[in-house]
């Protein structure tokens, strides 16, 4: 299993599954990250957290803890 956190800068990934439950999973889905969505990793903050992503044509910053809950291929 590979998570979004493991995708290198400049890499693309496709969402396979969202882990987590309740409010956390709902918040991730509300950001537009759902199964089948393609995500491009733009950059990572100097200290490693957060990660800047391009999702569905907009830019999104996501904490590494949340990125761990997103399984990608």
N, C-alpha and C. Protein backbone atom coordinates (compact mmCIF):
# COMPACT_ATOMS: atom_id res chain seq x y z
N UNK A 1 0.84 -1.19 0.00
CA UNK A 1 0.00 0.00 0.00
C UNK A 1 0.89 1.25 0.00
N UNK A 2 0.63 2.15 -0.91
CA UNK A 2 1.37 3.42 -1.02
C UNK A 2 0.43 4.56 -0.64
N UNK A 3 0.92 5.50 0.15
CA UNK A 3 0.09 6.62 0.56
C UNK A 3 0.53 7.90 -0.17
N UNK A 4 -0.31 8.90 -0.13
CA UNK A 4 -0.02 10.18 -0.78
C UNK A 4 1.25 10.81 -0.19
N UNK A 5 1.51 10.55 1.05
CA UNK A 5 2.71 11.10 1.72
C UNK A 5 3.99 10.61 1.04
N UNK A 6 3.97 9.44 0.43
CA UNK A 6 5.17 8.84 -0.18
C UNK A 6 5.42 9.29 -1.62
N UNK A 7 4.48 10.01 -2.21
CA UNK A 7 4.64 10.47 -3.60
C UNK A 7 5.68 11.60 -3.62
N UNK A 8 6.69 11.50 -4.50
CA UNK A 8 7.74 12.53 -4.53
C UNK A 8 7.24 13.85 -5.14
N UNK A 9 7.99 14.92 -4.91
CA UNK A 9 7.67 16.22 -5.49
C UNK A 9 7.70 16.09 -7.01
N UNK A 10 6.68 16.61 -7.66
CA UNK A 10 6.57 16.52 -9.11
C UNK A 10 5.90 15.24 -9.58
N UNK A 11 5.53 14.38 -8.64
CA UNK A 11 4.88 13.12 -8.98
C UNK A 11 3.37 13.23 -9.05
N UNK A 12 2.78 12.31 -9.80
CA UNK A 12 1.32 12.24 -9.90
C UNK A 12 0.87 10.92 -9.30
N UNK A 13 -0.34 10.93 -8.75
CA UNK A 13 -0.90 9.72 -8.17
C UNK A 13 -2.41 9.74 -8.34
N UNK A 14 -3.00 8.55 -8.36
CA UNK A 14 -4.44 8.41 -8.47
C UNK A 14 -4.97 7.81 -7.17
N UNK A 15 -6.00 8.42 -6.62
CA UNK A 15 -6.55 7.96 -5.33
C UNK A 15 -7.25 6.62 -5.52
N UNK A 16 -6.88 5.66 -4.67
CA UNK A 16 -7.48 4.33 -4.70
C UNK A 16 -8.50 4.18 -3.58
N UNK A 17 -8.13 4.66 -2.38
CA UNK A 17 -9.00 4.49 -1.22
C UNK A 17 -8.69 5.53 -0.17
N UNK A 18 -9.72 5.94 0.58
CA UNK A 18 -9.54 6.85 1.71
C UNK A 18 -9.70 6.05 2.99
N UNK A 19 -8.72 6.16 3.86
CA UNK A 19 -8.80 5.51 5.17
C UNK A 19 -9.25 6.56 6.17
N UNK A 20 -9.43 6.18 7.39
CA UNK A 20 -9.90 7.13 8.39
C UNK A 20 -11.42 7.04 8.49
N UNK A 21 -11.95 7.69 9.51
CA UNK A 21 -13.38 7.60 9.75
C UNK A 21 -13.98 8.95 10.12
N UNK A 22 -15.27 9.02 9.98
CA UNK A 22 -16.04 10.17 10.45
C UNK A 22 -15.64 11.50 9.85
N UNK A 23 -15.43 12.47 10.74
CA UNK A 23 -15.17 13.85 10.32
C UNK A 23 -13.91 14.00 9.49
N UNK A 24 -12.88 13.24 9.79
CA UNK A 24 -11.62 13.36 9.05
C UNK A 24 -11.82 12.93 7.60
N UNK A 25 -12.45 11.78 7.41
CA UNK A 25 -12.71 11.27 6.05
C UNK A 25 -13.62 12.23 5.29
N UNK A 26 -14.63 12.74 5.95
CA UNK A 26 -15.57 13.67 5.33
C UNK A 26 -14.86 14.95 4.89
N UNK A 27 -13.95 15.47 5.74
CA UNK A 27 -13.21 16.69 5.42
C UNK A 27 -12.33 16.49 4.19
N UNK A 28 -11.66 15.33 4.11
CA UNK A 28 -10.82 15.03 2.96
C UNK A 28 -11.67 14.97 1.68
N UNK A 29 -12.82 14.33 1.77
CA UNK A 29 -13.72 14.22 0.61
C UNK A 29 -14.26 15.60 0.21
N UNK A 30 -14.54 16.45 1.19
CA UNK A 30 -15.04 17.80 0.91
C UNK A 30 -14.00 18.66 0.18
N UNK A 31 -12.73 18.31 0.33
CA UNK A 31 -11.66 19.02 -0.37
C UNK A 31 -11.54 18.58 -1.82
N UNK A 32 -12.31 17.60 -2.22
CA UNK A 32 -12.28 17.13 -3.61
C UNK A 32 -11.44 15.89 -3.82
N UNK A 33 -10.93 15.32 -2.74
CA UNK A 33 -10.10 14.11 -2.84
C UNK A 33 -11.00 12.90 -2.65
N UNK A 34 -11.38 12.30 -3.77
CA UNK A 34 -12.23 11.12 -3.75
C UNK A 34 -11.58 10.04 -4.62
N UNK A 35 -12.13 8.82 -4.55
CA UNK A 35 -11.56 7.71 -5.31
C UNK A 35 -11.54 8.04 -6.81
N UNK A 36 -10.40 7.79 -7.45
CA UNK A 36 -10.25 8.05 -8.88
C UNK A 36 -9.69 9.41 -9.22
N UNK A 37 -9.57 10.30 -8.24
CA UNK A 37 -9.05 11.64 -8.48
C UNK A 37 -7.54 11.60 -8.70
N UNK A 38 -7.06 12.35 -9.69
CA UNK A 38 -5.62 12.43 -9.93
C UNK A 38 -5.07 13.62 -9.17
N UNK A 39 -3.95 13.39 -8.48
CA UNK A 39 -3.33 14.42 -7.65
C UNK A 39 -1.88 14.62 -8.09
N UNK A 40 -1.48 15.89 -8.20
CA UNK A 40 -0.11 16.24 -8.55
C UNK A 40 0.54 16.89 -7.33
N UNK A 41 1.68 16.38 -6.90
CA UNK A 41 2.39 16.94 -5.75
C UNK A 41 3.30 18.07 -6.24
N UNK A 42 2.94 19.31 -5.90
CA UNK A 42 3.69 20.49 -6.36
C UNK A 42 4.95 20.72 -5.56
N UNK A 43 4.82 20.79 -4.24
CA UNK A 43 5.98 21.03 -3.39
C UNK A 43 5.68 20.66 -1.95
N UNK A 44 6.75 20.64 -1.17
CA UNK A 44 6.63 20.32 0.26
C UNK A 44 7.26 21.48 1.03
N UNK A 45 6.65 21.85 2.13
CA UNK A 45 7.17 22.95 2.95
C UNK A 45 8.58 22.62 3.45
N UNK A 46 9.39 23.64 3.76
CA UNK A 46 10.78 23.41 4.18
C UNK A 46 10.95 22.40 5.32
N UNK A 47 10.06 22.39 6.27
CA UNK A 47 10.16 21.44 7.38
C UNK A 47 9.38 20.16 7.10
N UNK A 48 8.85 20.03 5.89
CA UNK A 48 8.19 18.79 5.49
C UNK A 48 6.68 18.77 5.68
N UNK A 49 6.11 19.76 6.31
CA UNK A 49 4.68 19.75 6.55
C UNK A 49 4.15 21.17 6.41
N UNK A 50 3.18 21.48 5.62
CA UNK A 50 2.30 20.62 4.82
C UNK A 50 2.84 20.34 3.41
N UNK A 51 2.06 19.59 2.66
CA UNK A 51 2.35 19.25 1.27
C UNK A 51 1.42 20.09 0.41
N UNK A 52 1.93 20.69 -0.65
CA UNK A 52 1.08 21.46 -1.57
C UNK A 52 0.73 20.58 -2.77
N UNK A 53 -0.55 20.45 -3.03
CA UNK A 53 -1.06 19.58 -4.09
C UNK A 53 -1.86 20.36 -5.12
N UNK A 54 -1.99 19.78 -6.30
CA UNK A 54 -2.89 20.31 -7.31
C UNK A 54 -3.97 19.24 -7.50
N UNK A 55 -5.20 19.58 -7.13
CA UNK A 55 -6.32 18.64 -7.18
C UNK A 55 -7.47 19.28 -7.94
N UNK A 56 -7.94 18.64 -8.99
CA UNK A 56 -9.09 19.13 -9.76
C UNK A 56 -8.95 20.59 -10.20
N UNK A 57 -7.73 20.99 -10.55
CA UNK A 57 -7.51 22.34 -11.06
C UNK A 57 -7.30 23.41 -10.02
N UNK A 58 -7.20 23.07 -8.74
CA UNK A 58 -6.91 24.08 -7.73
C UNK A 58 -5.80 23.58 -6.81
N UNK A 59 -5.18 24.53 -6.10
CA UNK A 59 -4.10 24.18 -5.20
C UNK A 59 -4.61 23.97 -3.80
N UNK A 60 -4.03 22.97 -3.14
CA UNK A 60 -4.49 22.57 -1.82
C UNK A 60 -3.29 22.23 -0.97
N UNK A 61 -3.28 22.67 0.27
CA UNK A 61 -2.24 22.29 1.22
C UNK A 61 -2.84 21.26 2.17
N UNK A 62 -2.08 20.20 2.39
CA UNK A 62 -2.58 19.08 3.20
C UNK A 62 -1.50 18.65 4.18
N UNK A 63 -1.89 18.43 5.42
CA UNK A 63 -0.93 17.95 6.43
C UNK A 63 -0.50 16.53 6.10
N UNK A 64 0.71 16.18 6.51
CA UNK A 64 1.22 14.83 6.27
C UNK A 64 0.36 13.78 6.96
N UNK A 65 -0.16 14.10 8.13
CA UNK A 65 -1.02 13.14 8.85
C UNK A 65 -2.26 12.81 8.03
N UNK A 66 -2.81 13.80 7.33
CA UNK A 66 -3.98 13.55 6.47
C UNK A 66 -3.57 12.82 5.20
N UNK A 67 -2.38 13.13 4.68
CA UNK A 67 -1.88 12.47 3.46
C UNK A 67 -1.67 10.97 3.70
N UNK A 68 -1.36 10.60 4.94
CA UNK A 68 -1.17 9.19 5.30
C UNK A 68 -2.47 8.39 5.15
N UNK A 69 -3.60 9.06 5.22
CA UNK A 69 -4.90 8.39 5.14
C UNK A 69 -5.37 8.16 3.69
N UNK A 70 -4.61 8.65 2.72
CA UNK A 70 -5.01 8.57 1.32
C UNK A 70 -4.14 7.54 0.60
N UNK A 71 -4.75 6.42 0.23
CA UNK A 71 -4.03 5.37 -0.48
C UNK A 71 -4.06 5.68 -1.97
N UNK A 72 -2.88 5.61 -2.61
CA UNK A 72 -2.77 5.95 -4.05
C UNK A 72 -2.07 4.84 -4.82
N UNK A 73 -2.16 4.94 -6.14
CA UNK A 73 -1.43 4.00 -7.01
C UNK A 73 -0.51 4.76 -7.93
